[in-house]
C-alpha atoms as a PDB file:
ATOM      1  CA  MET A   1     -10.814  -9.573 -13.359  1.00  0.00           C
ATOM      2  CA  LYS A   2      -7.978  -9.177 -15.966  1.00  0.00           C
ATOM      3  CA  PHE A   3      -4.584  -7.896 -15.190  1.00  0.00           C
ATOM      4  CA  SER A   4      -2.630  -6.555 -18.060  1.00  0.00           C
ATOM      5  CA  ASP A   5       1.045  -5.600 -17.935  1.00  0.00           C
ATOM      6  CA  LYS A   6       1.855  -5.738 -21.881  1.00  0.00           C
ATOM      7  CA  ALA A   7       0.988  -3.165 -24.713  1.00  0.00           C
ATOM      8  CA  GLU A   8      -1.428  -5.693 -26.042  1.00  0.00           C
ATOM      9  CA  ASP A   9      -4.721  -5.022 -27.402  1.00  0.00           C
ATOM     10  CA  LEU A  10      -7.365  -4.612 -24.872  1.00  0.00           C
ATOM     11  CA  SER A  11     -10.523  -4.414 -26.973  1.00  0.00           C
ATOM     12  CA  ALA A  12     -11.311  -8.055 -25.990  1.00  0.00           C
ATOM     13  CA  PHE A  13     -11.411  -7.021 -22.512  1.00  0.00           C
ATOM     14  CA  THR A  14     -12.650  -3.371 -22.638  1.00  0.00           C
ATOM     15  CA  GLY A  15     -15.523  -3.801 -25.279  1.00  0.00           C
ATOM     16  CA  PRO A  16     -16.851  -0.819 -27.162  1.00  0.00           C
ATOM     17  CA  SER A  17     -17.018   1.512 -24.165  1.00  0.00           C
ATOM     18  CA  SER A  18     -15.059   1.864 -21.059  1.00  0.00           C
ATOM     19  CA  ALA A  19     -15.176   3.727 -17.578  1.00  0.00           C
ATOM     20  CA  VAL A  20     -11.590   4.303 -16.854  1.00  0.00           C
ATOM     21  CA  THR A  21      -9.641   5.667 -13.746  1.00  0.00           C
ATOM     22  CA  ILE A  22      -5.955   6.265 -13.738  1.00  0.00           C
ATOM     23  CA  GLY A  23      -3.339   6.958 -10.865  1.00  0.00           C
ATOM     24  CA  VAL A  24      -0.627   5.583  -8.591  1.00  0.00           C
ATOM     25  CA  PHE A  25      -3.107   4.117  -5.918  1.00  0.00           C
ATOM     26  CA  ASP A  26      -0.243   3.754  -3.562  1.00  0.00           C
ATOM     27  CA  GLY A  27      -1.854   2.112  -0.388  1.00  0.00           C
ATOM     28  CA  VAL A  28      -5.420   1.816  -1.903  1.00  0.00           C
ATOM     29  CA  HIS A  29      -6.652   3.880   0.750  1.00  0.00           C
ATOM     30  CA  LEU A  30      -9.927   5.493   1.697  1.00  0.00           C
ATOM     31  CA  GLY A  31      -9.825   8.150  -0.992  1.00  0.00           C
ATOM     32  CA  HIS A  32      -8.770   5.517  -3.463  1.00  0.00           C
ATOM     33  CA  ARG A  33     -11.501   3.453  -2.712  1.00  0.00           C
ATOM     34  CA  LYS A  34     -14.177   6.444  -3.048  1.00  0.00           C
ATOM     35  CA  VAL A  35     -12.752   6.925  -6.622  1.00  0.00           C
ATOM     36  CA  ILE A  36     -12.839   3.232  -7.561  1.00  0.00           C
ATOM     37  CA  SER A  37     -16.383   2.652  -5.970  1.00  0.00           C
ATOM     38  CA  ARG A  38     -17.531   5.567  -8.278  1.00  0.00           C
ATOM     39  CA  LEU A  39     -15.925   4.292 -11.213  1.00  0.00           C
ATOM     40  CA  ILE A  40     -17.782   0.929 -10.766  1.00  0.00           C
ATOM     41  CA  ARG A  41     -21.013   2.615 -10.266  1.00  0.00           C
ATOM     42  CA  THR A  42     -20.692   4.865 -13.279  1.00  0.00           C
ATOM     43  CA  ARG A  43     -20.159   1.760 -15.326  1.00  0.00           C
ATOM     44  CA  ARG A  44     -23.263   0.231 -13.880  1.00  0.00           C
ATOM     45  CA  GLU A  45     -25.485   3.261 -14.240  1.00  0.00           C
ATOM     46  CA  ILE A  46     -24.625   4.265 -17.757  1.00  0.00           C
ATOM     47  CA  GLY A  47     -24.204   0.534 -18.875  1.00  0.00           C
ATOM     48  CA  LEU A  48     -20.650   0.873 -20.225  1.00  0.00           C
ATOM     49  CA  SER A  49     -19.178  -2.495 -21.191  1.00  0.00           C
ATOM     50  CA  SER A  50     -16.104  -2.436 -18.551  1.00  0.00           C
ATOM     51  CA  ALA A  51     -14.746  -0.792 -15.551  1.00  0.00           C
ATOM     52  CA  VAL A  52     -10.828  -0.327 -16.161  1.00  0.00           C
ATOM     53  CA  LEU A  53      -8.220   0.884 -13.651  1.00  0.00           C
ATOM     54  CA  VAL A  54      -4.978   2.046 -14.787  1.00  0.00           C
ATOM     55  CA  THR A  55      -1.924   2.200 -12.550  1.00  0.00           C
ATOM     56  CA  PHE A  56       1.830   1.724 -12.860  1.00  0.00           C
ATOM     57  CA  ASP A  57       4.657  -0.464 -12.083  1.00  0.00           C
ATOM     58  CA  ARG A  58       6.396   2.025 -10.026  1.00  0.00           C
ATOM     59  CA  HIS A  59       5.957   5.397  -8.459  1.00  0.00           C
ATOM     60  CA  PRO A  60       6.286   8.053 -11.287  1.00  0.00           C
ATOM     61  CA  LEU A  61       8.481  10.082  -9.200  1.00  0.00           C
ATOM     62  CA  SER A  62      11.177   7.338  -9.183  1.00  0.00           C
ATOM     63  CA  VAL A  63      11.555   8.124 -12.879  1.00  0.00           C
ATOM     64  CA  THR A  64      11.004  11.900 -12.966  1.00  0.00           C
ATOM     65  CA  HIS A  65      12.524  12.937  -9.701  1.00  0.00           C
ATOM     66  CA  PRO A  66      14.344  10.112  -8.015  1.00  0.00           C
ATOM     67  CA  ASP A  67      15.385  12.079  -5.330  1.00  0.00           C
ATOM     68  CA  LYS A  68      11.852  12.818  -4.438  1.00  0.00           C
ATOM     69  CA  ALA A  69      10.414   9.398  -4.844  1.00  0.00           C
ATOM     70  CA  PRO A  70       8.416   8.392  -1.540  1.00  0.00           C
ATOM     71  CA  PRO A  71       8.595   4.672   0.168  1.00  0.00           C
ATOM     72  CA  LEU A  72       5.775   2.707  -1.092  1.00  0.00           C
ATOM     73  CA  LEU A  73       2.630   1.946   1.003  1.00  0.00           C
ATOM     74  CA  THR A  74       2.149  -1.215  -1.149  1.00  0.00           C
ATOM     75  CA  THR A  75       4.412  -2.923  -3.481  1.00  0.00           C
ATOM     76  CA  LEU A  76       2.995  -3.691  -7.002  1.00  0.00           C
ATOM     77  CA  GLU A  77       2.106  -7.272  -5.876  1.00  0.00           C
ATOM     78  CA  GLU A  78       0.562  -6.078  -2.879  1.00  0.00           C
ATOM     79  CA  LYS A  79      -1.511  -3.388  -4.520  1.00  0.00           C
ATOM     80  CA  LYS A  80      -2.824  -6.061  -7.098  1.00  0.00           C
ATOM     81  CA  GLY A  81      -3.894  -8.318  -4.356  1.00  0.00           C
ATOM     82  CA  ILE A  82      -5.715  -5.217  -2.832  1.00  0.00           C
ATOM     83  CA  LEU A  83      -7.414  -4.442  -6.291  1.00  0.00           C
ATOM     84  CA  ARG A  84      -8.808  -8.182  -6.359  1.00  0.00           C
ATOM     85  CA  GLU A  85     -11.340  -6.964  -3.829  1.00  0.00           C
ATOM     86  CA  PHE A  86     -13.122  -4.734  -6.315  1.00  0.00           C
ATOM     87  CA  ASP A  87     -15.482  -5.497  -9.176  1.00  0.00           C
ATOM     88  CA  LEU A  88     -13.265  -4.227 -11.655  1.00  0.00           C
ATOM     89  CA  ASP A  89     -13.276  -5.620 -15.188  1.00  0.00           C
ATOM     90  CA  VAL A  90      -9.419  -4.842 -16.115  1.00  0.00           C
ATOM     91  CA  VAL A  91      -6.510  -3.468 -14.223  1.00  0.00           C
ATOM     92  CA  VAL A  92      -3.742  -2.183 -16.548  1.00  0.00           C
ATOM     93  CA  ILE A  93      -0.515  -2.221 -15.171  1.00  0.00           C
ATOM     94  CA  ASP A  94       1.569   0.447 -17.198  1.00  0.00           C
ATOM     95  CA  ARG A  95       5.390   0.574 -17.072  1.00  0.00           C
ATOM     96  CA  PHE A  96       6.396   3.980 -16.322  1.00  0.00           C
ATOM     97  CA  ASN A  97       9.619   5.056 -18.019  1.00  0.00           C
ATOM     98  CA  PRO A  98      10.968   8.307 -19.486  1.00  0.00           C
ATOM     99  CA  GLY A  99       8.904   7.927 -22.656  1.00  0.00           C
ATOM    100  CA  TYR A 100       5.853   7.622 -20.913  1.00  0.00           C
ATOM    101  CA  ALA A 101       6.629  10.494 -18.621  1.00  0.00           C
ATOM    102  CA  ALA A 102       7.248  12.630 -21.701  1.00  0.00           C
ATOM    103  CA  LEU A 103       3.591  12.308 -23.062  1.00  0.00           C
ATOM    104  CA  ASN A 104       1.760  15.462 -22.652  1.00  0.00           C
ATOM    105  CA  TYR A 105      -1.846  15.199 -21.518  1.00  0.00           C
ATOM    106  CA  THR A 106      -3.442  15.218 -24.954  1.00  0.00           C
ATOM    107  CA  GLU A 107      -1.184  12.525 -26.190  1.00  0.00           C
ATOM    108  CA  PHE A 108      -1.824  10.672 -23.157  1.00  0.00           C
ATOM    109  CA  ILE A 109      -5.613  10.988 -23.474  1.00  0.00           C
ATOM    110  CA  ARG A 110      -5.615  10.077 -27.236  1.00  0.00           C
ATOM    111  CA  GLU A 111      -3.026   7.190 -27.096  1.00  0.00           C
ATOM    112  CA  LYS A 112      -3.481   5.491 -23.761  1.00  0.00           C
ATOM    113  CA  LEU A 113      -7.037   6.151 -22.764  1.00  0.00           C
ATOM    114  CA  LEU A 114      -8.940   6.517 -26.049  1.00  0.00           C
ATOM    115  CA  GLY A 115      -7.150   4.536 -28.464  1.00  0.00           C
ATOM    116  CA  ARG A 116      -6.124   1.502 -26.340  1.00  0.00           C
ATOM    117  CA  LEU A 117      -9.043   1.580 -23.666  1.00  0.00           C
ATOM    118  CA  ASN A 118     -12.020   2.668 -25.776  1.00  0.00           C
ATOM    119  CA  MET A 119     -12.742   5.092 -22.778  1.00  0.00           C
ATOM    120  CA  SER A 120     -16.127   7.106 -22.854  1.00  0.00           C
ATOM    121  CA  HIS A 121     -16.015   8.189 -19.237  1.00  0.00           C
ATOM    122  CA  LEU A 122     -13.076   9.076 -17.003  1.00  0.00           C
ATOM    123  CA  VAL A 123     -13.236   9.262 -13.282  1.00  0.00           C
ATOM    124  CA  VAL A 124     -10.605  10.850 -11.199  1.00  0.00           C
ATOM    125  CA  GLY A 125     -10.007  12.320  -7.904  1.00  0.00           C
ATOM    126  CA  TYR A 126     -10.252  15.947  -6.900  1.00  0.00           C
ATOM    127  CA  ASP A 127      -6.434  16.521  -7.044  1.00  0.00           C
ATOM    128  CA  PHE A 128      -5.842  14.753 -10.486  1.00  0.00           C
ATOM    129  CA  ARG A 129      -3.132  15.945 -13.049  1.00  0.00           C
ATOM    130  CA  PHE A 130      -1.432  13.798 -15.570  1.00  0.00           C
ATOM    131  CA  GLY A 131       0.671  14.306 -18.608  1.00  0.00           C
ATOM    132  CA  LYS A 132       4.222  15.784 -18.938  1.00  0.00           C
ATOM    133  CA  ASP A 133       5.092  17.878 -15.937  1.00  0.00           C
ATOM    134  CA  ARG A 134       1.661  17.319 -14.649  1.00  0.00           C
ATOM    135  CA  THR A 135       0.295  20.060 -16.959  1.00  0.00           C
ATOM    136  CA  GLY A 136      -3.195  18.158 -17.591  1.00  0.00           C
ATOM    137  CA  SER A 137      -5.342  20.140 -14.947  1.00  0.00           C
ATOM    138  CA  LEU A 138      -9.020  19.087 -14.350  1.00  0.00           C
ATOM    139  CA  GLU A 139     -10.008  22.081 -16.428  1.00  0.00           C
ATOM    140  CA  MET A 140      -7.985  21.003 -19.338  1.00  0.00           C
ATOM    141  CA  ILE A 141      -9.046  17.424 -19.059  1.00  0.00           C
ATOM    142  CA  ARG A 142     -12.692  18.507 -18.994  1.00  0.00           C
ATOM    143  CA  GLU A 143     -12.167  20.722 -22.275  1.00  0.00           C
ATOM    144  CA  GLN A 144     -10.377  17.733 -23.950  1.00  0.00           C
ATOM    145  CA  GLY A 145     -13.555  15.500 -23.163  1.00  0.00           C
ATOM    146  CA  MET A 146     -15.853  18.083 -24.871  1.00  0.00           C
ATOM    147  CA  ARG A 147     -13.542  17.957 -27.954  1.00  0.00           C
ATOM    148  CA  SER A 148     -13.137  14.079 -27.834  1.00  0.00           C
ATOM    149  CA  SER A 149     -16.572  13.060 -26.605  1.00  0.00           C
ATOM    150  CA  PHE A 150     -15.849  11.478 -23.263  1.00  0.00           C
ATOM    151  CA  GLU A 151     -17.509  12.361 -19.892  1.00  0.00           C
ATOM    152  CA  VAL A 152     -15.370  13.318 -16.702  1.00  0.00           C
ATOM    153  CA  THR A 153     -16.534  12.684 -13.184  1.00  0.00           C
ATOM    154  CA  VAL A 154     -14.321  14.244 -10.434  1.00  0.00           C
ATOM    155  CA  VAL A 155     -14.679  12.722  -7.067  1.00  0.00           C
ATOM    156  CA  PRO A 156     -14.265  14.829  -3.906  1.00  0.00           C
ATOM    157  CA  PRO A 157     -11.657  13.870  -1.289  1.00  0.00           C
ATOM    158  CA  ALA A 158     -12.283  11.458   1.654  1.00  0.00           C
ATOM    159  CA  TYR A 159     -11.803  12.771   5.217  1.00  0.00           C
ATOM    160  CA  VAL A 160     -11.151  11.159   8.604  1.00  0.00           C
ATOM    161  CA  GLY A 161     -11.012  13.582  11.663  1.00  0.00           C
ATOM    162  CA  GLY A 162     -11.463  16.481   9.585  1.00  0.00           C
ATOM    163  CA  GLN A 163      -8.283  15.914   7.428  1.00  0.00           C
ATOM    164  CA  ILE A 164      -7.976  14.709   3.776  1.00  0.00           C
ATOM    165  CA  VAL A 165      -6.905  11.307   3.465  1.00  0.00           C
ATOM    166  CA  SER A 166      -3.929  10.833   1.135  1.00  0.00           C
ATOM    167  CA  SER A 167      -0.834   8.700   0.713  1.00  0.00           C
ATOM    168  CA  THR A 168       1.447  11.216   1.796  1.00  0.00           C
ATOM    169  CA  ARG A 169      -0.068  11.803   5.252  1.00  0.00           C
ATOM    170  CA  ILE A 170      -0.465   8.109   5.641  1.00  0.00           C
ATOM    171  CA  ARG A 171       3.468   7.836   5.132  1.00  0.00           C
ATOM    172  CA  GLU A 172       4.083  10.707   7.639  1.00  0.00           C
ATOM    173  CA  GLN A 173       1.788   8.799  10.146  1.00  0.00           C
ATOM    174  CA  LEU A 174       3.847   5.604   9.669  1.00  0.00           C
ATOM    175  CA  LEU A 175       7.056   7.194   9.874  1.00  0.00           C
ATOM    176  CA  ARG A 176       5.817   8.813  13.456  1.00  0.00           C
ATOM    177  CA  GLY A 177       4.993   5.106  14.397  1.00  0.00           C
ATOM    178  CA  ASP A 178       1.272   5.944  14.465  1.00  0.00           C
ATOM    179  CA  THR A 179       0.024   2.688  12.897  1.00  0.00           C
ATOM    180  CA  GLU A 180      -3.437   3.076  14.033  1.00  0.00           C
ATOM    181  CA  MET A 181      -4.193   6.295  12.399  1.00  0.00           C
ATOM    182  CA  ALA A 182      -2.574   5.176   9.201  1.00  0.00           C
ATOM    183  CA  SER A 183      -4.488   1.953   9.416  1.00  0.00           C
ATOM    184  CA  GLU A 184      -7.722   3.644   9.857  1.00  0.00           C
ATOM    185  CA  ARG A 185      -7.259   5.690   6.582  1.00  0.00           C
ATOM    186  CA  LEU A 186      -6.112   2.726   4.880  1.00  0.00           C
ATOM    187  CA  THR A 187      -9.350   0.657   6.143  1.00  0.00           C
ATOM    188  CA  ARG A 188      -6.887  -2.067   7.102  1.00  0.00           C
ATOM    189  CA  ASP A 189      -3.875  -2.773   9.224  1.00  0.00           C
ATOM    190  CA  TYR A 190      -0.869  -1.714   7.718  1.00  0.00           C
ATOM    191  CA  PHE A 191       1.310  -4.603   6.569  1.00  0.00           C
ATOM    192  CA  PHE A 192       4.724  -5.849   4.926  1.00  0.00           C
ATOM    193  CA  ASP A 193       5.948  -9.255   3.726  1.00  0.00           C
ATOM    194  CA  ALA A 194       9.350 -10.231   4.816  1.00  0.00           C
ATOM    195  CA  GLU A 195      11.489 -13.317   4.640  1.00  0.00           C
ATOM    196  CA  VAL A 196      12.592 -15.260   7.748  1.00  0.00           C
ATOM    197  CA  VAL A 197      16.312 -15.296   7.882  1.00  0.00           C
ATOM    198  CA  ARG A 198      18.634 -17.031  10.618  1.00  0.00           C
ATOM    199  CA  GLY A 199      19.896 -14.598  13.309  1.00  0.00           C
ATOM    200  CA  GLU A 200      21.923 -15.101  16.316  1.00  0.00           C
ATOM    201  CA  SER A 201      18.986 -16.788  18.550  1.00  0.00           C
ATOM    202  CA  ILE A 202      19.802 -14.432  21.330  1.00  0.00           C
ATOM    203  CA  GLY A 203      15.935 -14.063  22.015  1.00  0.00           C
ATOM    204  CA  ARG A 204      15.873 -17.662  23.090  1.00  0.00           C
ATOM    205  CA  GLN A 205      18.074 -16.810  25.735  1.00  0.00           C
ATOM    206  CA  ILE A 206      15.576 -14.628  27.582  1.00  0.00           C
ATOM    207  CA  SER A 207      12.643 -16.738  26.571  1.00  0.00           C
ATOM    208  CA  PHE A 208      11.429 -14.651  23.647  1.00  0.00           C
ATOM    209  CA  PRO A 209      12.561 -16.362  20.532  1.00  0.00           C
ATOM    210  CA  THR A 210      12.086 -14.181  17.400  1.00  0.00           C
ATOM    211  CA  ALA A 211      11.653 -14.384  13.727  1.00  0.00           C
ATOM    212  CA  ASN A 212      14.272 -12.451  11.976  1.00  0.00           C
ATOM    213  CA  LEU A 213      12.679 -10.634   9.138  1.00  0.00           C
ATOM    214  CA  VAL A 214      14.197  -9.017   5.789  1.00  0.00           C
ATOM    215  CA  VAL A 215      12.046  -6.842   3.736  1.00  0.00           C
ATOM    216  CA  LYS A 216      13.136  -7.550   0.136  1.00  0.00           C
ATOM    217  CA  GLU A 217      11.364  -4.599  -1.577  1.00  0.00           C
ATOM    218  CA  SER A 218      13.806  -1.809  -0.684  1.00  0.00           C
ATOM    219  CA  SER A 219      11.210   0.648  -1.871  1.00  0.00           C
ATOM    220  CA  LYS A 220       8.562  -0.423   0.911  1.00  0.00           C
ATOM    221  CA  LEU A 221       7.915   1.866   3.820  1.00  0.00           C
ATOM    222  CA  ILE A 222       8.849   0.343   7.274  1.00  0.00           C
ATOM    223  CA  PRO A 223       7.309   2.189  10.274  1.00  0.00           C
ATOM    224  CA  ARG A 224       9.568   3.918  12.553  1.00  0.00           C
ATOM    225  CA  SER A 225      11.707   2.138  15.216  1.00  0.00           C
ATOM    226  CA  GLY A 226       9.657   0.814  18.300  1.00  0.00           C
ATOM    227  CA  VAL A 227       7.771  -1.827  19.624  1.00  0.00           C
ATOM    228  CA  TYR A 228       4.444  -2.970  18.113  1.00  0.00           C
ATOM    229  CA  ALA A 229       1.576  -5.261  18.575  1.00  0.00           C
ATOM    230  CA  VAL A 230       1.328  -7.250  15.213  1.00  0.00           C
ATOM    231  CA  MET A 231      -0.731 -10.287  13.478  1.00  0.00           C
ATOM    232  CA  VAL A 232       1.456 -12.392  11.792  1.00  0.00           C
ATOM    233  CA  GLU A 233       0.303 -14.545   8.779  1.00  0.00           C
ATOM    234  CA  THR A 234       2.097 -17.626   7.739  1.00  0.00           C
ATOM    235  CA  GLU A 235       1.540 -20.569   5.490  1.00  0.00           C
ATOM    236  CA  GLY A 236       0.303 -22.496   8.546  1.00  0.00           C
ATOM    237  CA  GLY A 237      -2.105 -19.742   9.949  1.00  0.00           C
ATOM    238  CA  ARG A 238      -2.592 -16.534  11.514  1.00  0.00           C
ATOM    239  CA  TYR A 239      -1.081 -15.400  14.973  1.00  0.00           C
ATOM    240  CA  GLY A 240      -0.650 -12.595  17.294  1.00  0.00           C
ATOM    241  CA  GLY A 241       2.725 -11.197  18.375  1.00  0.00           C
ATOM    242  CA  MET A 242       5.042  -8.404  19.087  1.00  0.00           C
ATOM    243  CA  MET A 243       7.723  -6.910  16.793  1.00  0.00           C
ATOM    244  CA  ASN A 244      10.697  -4.734  17.448  1.00  0.00           C
ATOM    245  CA  ILE A 245      12.018  -2.522  14.781  1.00  0.00           C
ATOM    246  CA  GLY A 246      15.344  -1.045  15.630  1.00  0.00           C
ATOM    247  CA  THR A 247      18.750  -1.786  16.770  1.00  0.00           C
ATOM    248  CA  ALA A 248      17.793  -3.930  19.843  1.00  0.00           C
ATOM    249  CA  PRO A 249      20.471  -1.682  21.861  1.00  0.00           C
ATOM    250  CA  THR A 250      20.180  -4.087  25.040  1.00  0.00           C
ATOM    251  CA  ILE A 251      21.628  -7.483  23.527  1.00  0.00           C
ATOM    252  CA  LYS A 252      23.042  -6.488  20.004  1.00  0.00           C
ATOM    253  CA  ASN A 253      22.664  -2.915  18.879  1.00  0.00           C
ATOM    254  CA  THR A 254      22.353  -3.845  15.092  1.00  0.00           C
ATOM    255  CA  GLY A 255      19.387  -2.582  13.094  1.00  0.00           C
ATOM    256  CA  GLY A 256      16.659  -5.083  12.137  1.00  0.00           C
ATOM    257  CA  ILE A 257      13.040  -6.229  12.486  1.00  0.00           C
ATOM    258  CA  GLU A 258      12.246  -9.121  14.866  1.00  0.00           C
ATOM    259  CA  VAL A 259       8.815 -10.687  15.694  1.00  0.00           C
ATOM    260  CA  HIS A 260       8.107 -12.838  18.575  1.00  0.00           C
ATOM    261  CA  ILE A 261       5.053 -14.908  17.589  1.00  0.00           C
ATOM    262  CA  PHE A 262       2.640 -16.024  20.400  1.00  0.00           C
ATOM    263  CA  ASP A 263       1.784 -19.337  20.881  1.00  0.00           C
ATOM    264  CA  PHE A 264       3.926 -20.703  17.998  1.00  0.00           C
ATOM    265  CA  SER A 265       6.329 -23.604  17.443  1.00  0.00           C
ATOM    266  CA  GLY A 266       7.851 -24.483  14.158  1.00  0.00           C
ATOM    267  CA  ASP A 267      10.467 -23.627  11.742  1.00  0.00           C
ATOM    268  CA  LEU A 268       9.665 -20.465   9.427  1.00  0.00           C
ATOM    269  CA  TYR A 269      13.316 -20.122   8.131  1.00  0.00           C
ATOM    270  CA  GLY A 270      13.406 -19.321   4.631  1.00  0.00           C
ATOM    271  CA  SER A 271       9.552 -18.729   4.288  1.00  0.00           C
ATOM    272  CA  THR A 272       7.659 -15.377   3.594  1.00  0.00           C
ATOM    273  CA  ILE A 273       5.373 -14.199   6.340  1.00  0.00           C
ATOM    274  CA  ARG A 274       3.087 -11.084   6.323  1.00  0.00           C
ATOM    275  CA  VAL A 275       3.171  -8.827   9.421  1.00  0.00           C
ATOM    276  CA  TYR A 276       0.087  -6.521  10.256  1.00  0.00           C
ATOM    277  CA  CYS A 277       0.969  -3.557  12.329  1.00  0.00           C
ATOM    278  CA  ARG A 278      -1.778  -3.260  14.921  1.00  0.00           C
ATOM    279  CA  LYS A 279      -0.480  -0.656  17.473  1.00  0.00           C
ATOM    280  CA  ASN A 280       2.905   0.872  18.461  1.00  0.00           C
ATOM    281  CA  LEU A 281       3.429  -0.135  22.245  1.00  0.00           C
ATOM    282  CA  ARG A 282       6.539   1.930  22.992  1.00  0.00           C
ATOM    283  CA  GLU A 283       9.553   3.338  21.815  1.00  0.00           C
ATOM    284  CA  GLU A 284      12.937   1.238  21.385  1.00  0.00           C
ATOM    285  CA  LYS A 285      15.168   1.637  24.499  1.00  0.00           C
ATOM    286  CA  LYS A 286      18.162   0.366  26.162  1.00  0.00           C
ATOM    287  CA  PHE A 287      18.018  -1.504  29.502  1.00  0.00           C
ATOM    288  CA  ALA A 288      20.677  -1.932  32.025  1.00  0.00           C
ATOM    289  CA  SER A 289      20.291  -5.783  32.042  1.00  0.00           C
ATOM    290  CA  ARG A 290      18.877  -8.658  30.073  1.00  0.00           C
ATOM    291  CA  ASP A 291      16.616  -9.365  33.133  1.00  0.00           C
ATOM    292  CA  GLN A 292      15.173  -6.007  33.029  1.00  0.00           C
ATOM    293  CA  LEU A 293      14.645  -6.314  29.102  1.00  0.00           C
ATOM    294  CA  ARG A 294      12.945  -9.649  29.738  1.00  0.00           C
ATOM    295  CA  GLU A 295      10.602  -7.958  32.501  1.00  0.00           C
ATOM    296  CA  GLN A 296       9.581  -5.268  30.006  1.00  0.00           C
ATOM    297  CA  LEU A 297       8.936  -7.924  27.146  1.00  0.00           C
ATOM    298  CA  GLU A 298       6.692  -9.782  29.198  1.00  0.00           C
ATOM    299  CA  THR A 299       4.750  -6.374  30.082  1.00  0.00           C
ATOM    300  CA  ASP A 300       4.911  -5.699  26.288  1.00  0.00           C
ATOM    301  CA  ALA A 301       3.528  -9.238  25.559  1.00  0.00           C
ATOM    302  CA  ARG A 302       0.716  -8.859  28.111  1.00  0.00           C
ATOM    303  CA  ARG A 303      -0.165  -5.677  26.558  1.00  0.00           C
ATOM    304  CA  ALA A 304       0.054  -6.751  23.178  1.00  0.00           C
ATOM    305  CA  ARG A 305      -2.311  -9.764  23.854  1.00  0.00           C
ATOM    306  CA  ARG A 306      -4.858  -7.318  25.032  1.00  0.00           C
ATOM    307  CA  VAL A 307      -4.629  -5.103  22.053  1.00  0.00           C
ATOM    308  CA  LEU A 308      -4.917  -8.058  19.751  1.00  0.00           C
ATOM    309  CA  ALA A 309      -8.055  -9.353  21.607  1.00  0.00           C
ATOM    310  CA  MET A 310     -10.066  -6.318  20.746  1.00  0.00           C
ATOM    311  CA  PRO A 311     -11.901  -5.950  17.434  1.00  0.00           C
ATOM    312  CA  GLY A 312      -9.194  -5.222  14.573  1.00  0.00           C
ATOM    313  CA  ARG A 313      -9.516  -4.544  11.074  1.00  0.00           C
END
């Protein structure tokens, strides 16, 4: 697979004819996977030279309406990592800026898709719109296809539990702390990358040492406060654990993310780990004493181990 984040000549990678899809693909969830799978199948069925996915280096709303830009389910690097799972020929990472946003849909098709990618077939989701102010509807795109000799395939939505899968709905679920429901729609446990930093080592005093985490990508969505069963991926391996998001009101009352890693000994300071959120165990609460907190953490740990022993994604 070729990743391109430059305005270079892509003809060496796209060939004389390409099947193309375009979108934000934040989360690369079940609905996105349906579109990508259709793109790849179209390339094979029609015998086109390449399957090309076009996405952006940031969420378009962060440029056009910054006050409405949502937190991201996947950072750019995370999204690229997930897209490597697919049999795509080229993934184009376009820089979304005001000039890009100002293109109307006909200019966009002509300059970005036909001229640069040799597109002969466009595969899009059921709710797709593009161009300045999202004026390019599916009907308009089909009409443009007839004028410019490219085919259009519209992929219907994916459903889970009778509801359409969407990035917006997944964000809502995570902000409610419902990581299980979100993960079902993502087809994997929701994760984030974080750097391990030095804390006050208070957890060691109650027999629950924790790694204090800082998420460097400020746009990354962090689930709501609470205690979670998690899987932790380090350079040395993968471990179970439990995570607290919130203020730790019993012992320090300051905001943050802490992870207690089961059956682990070692120094993680300065390293980056990946945390997979398996299940929300309970809400964060203040206890009357550290002894009560320790008893609750022991209960949480037993429950987290049971959760993690069950088949996961």
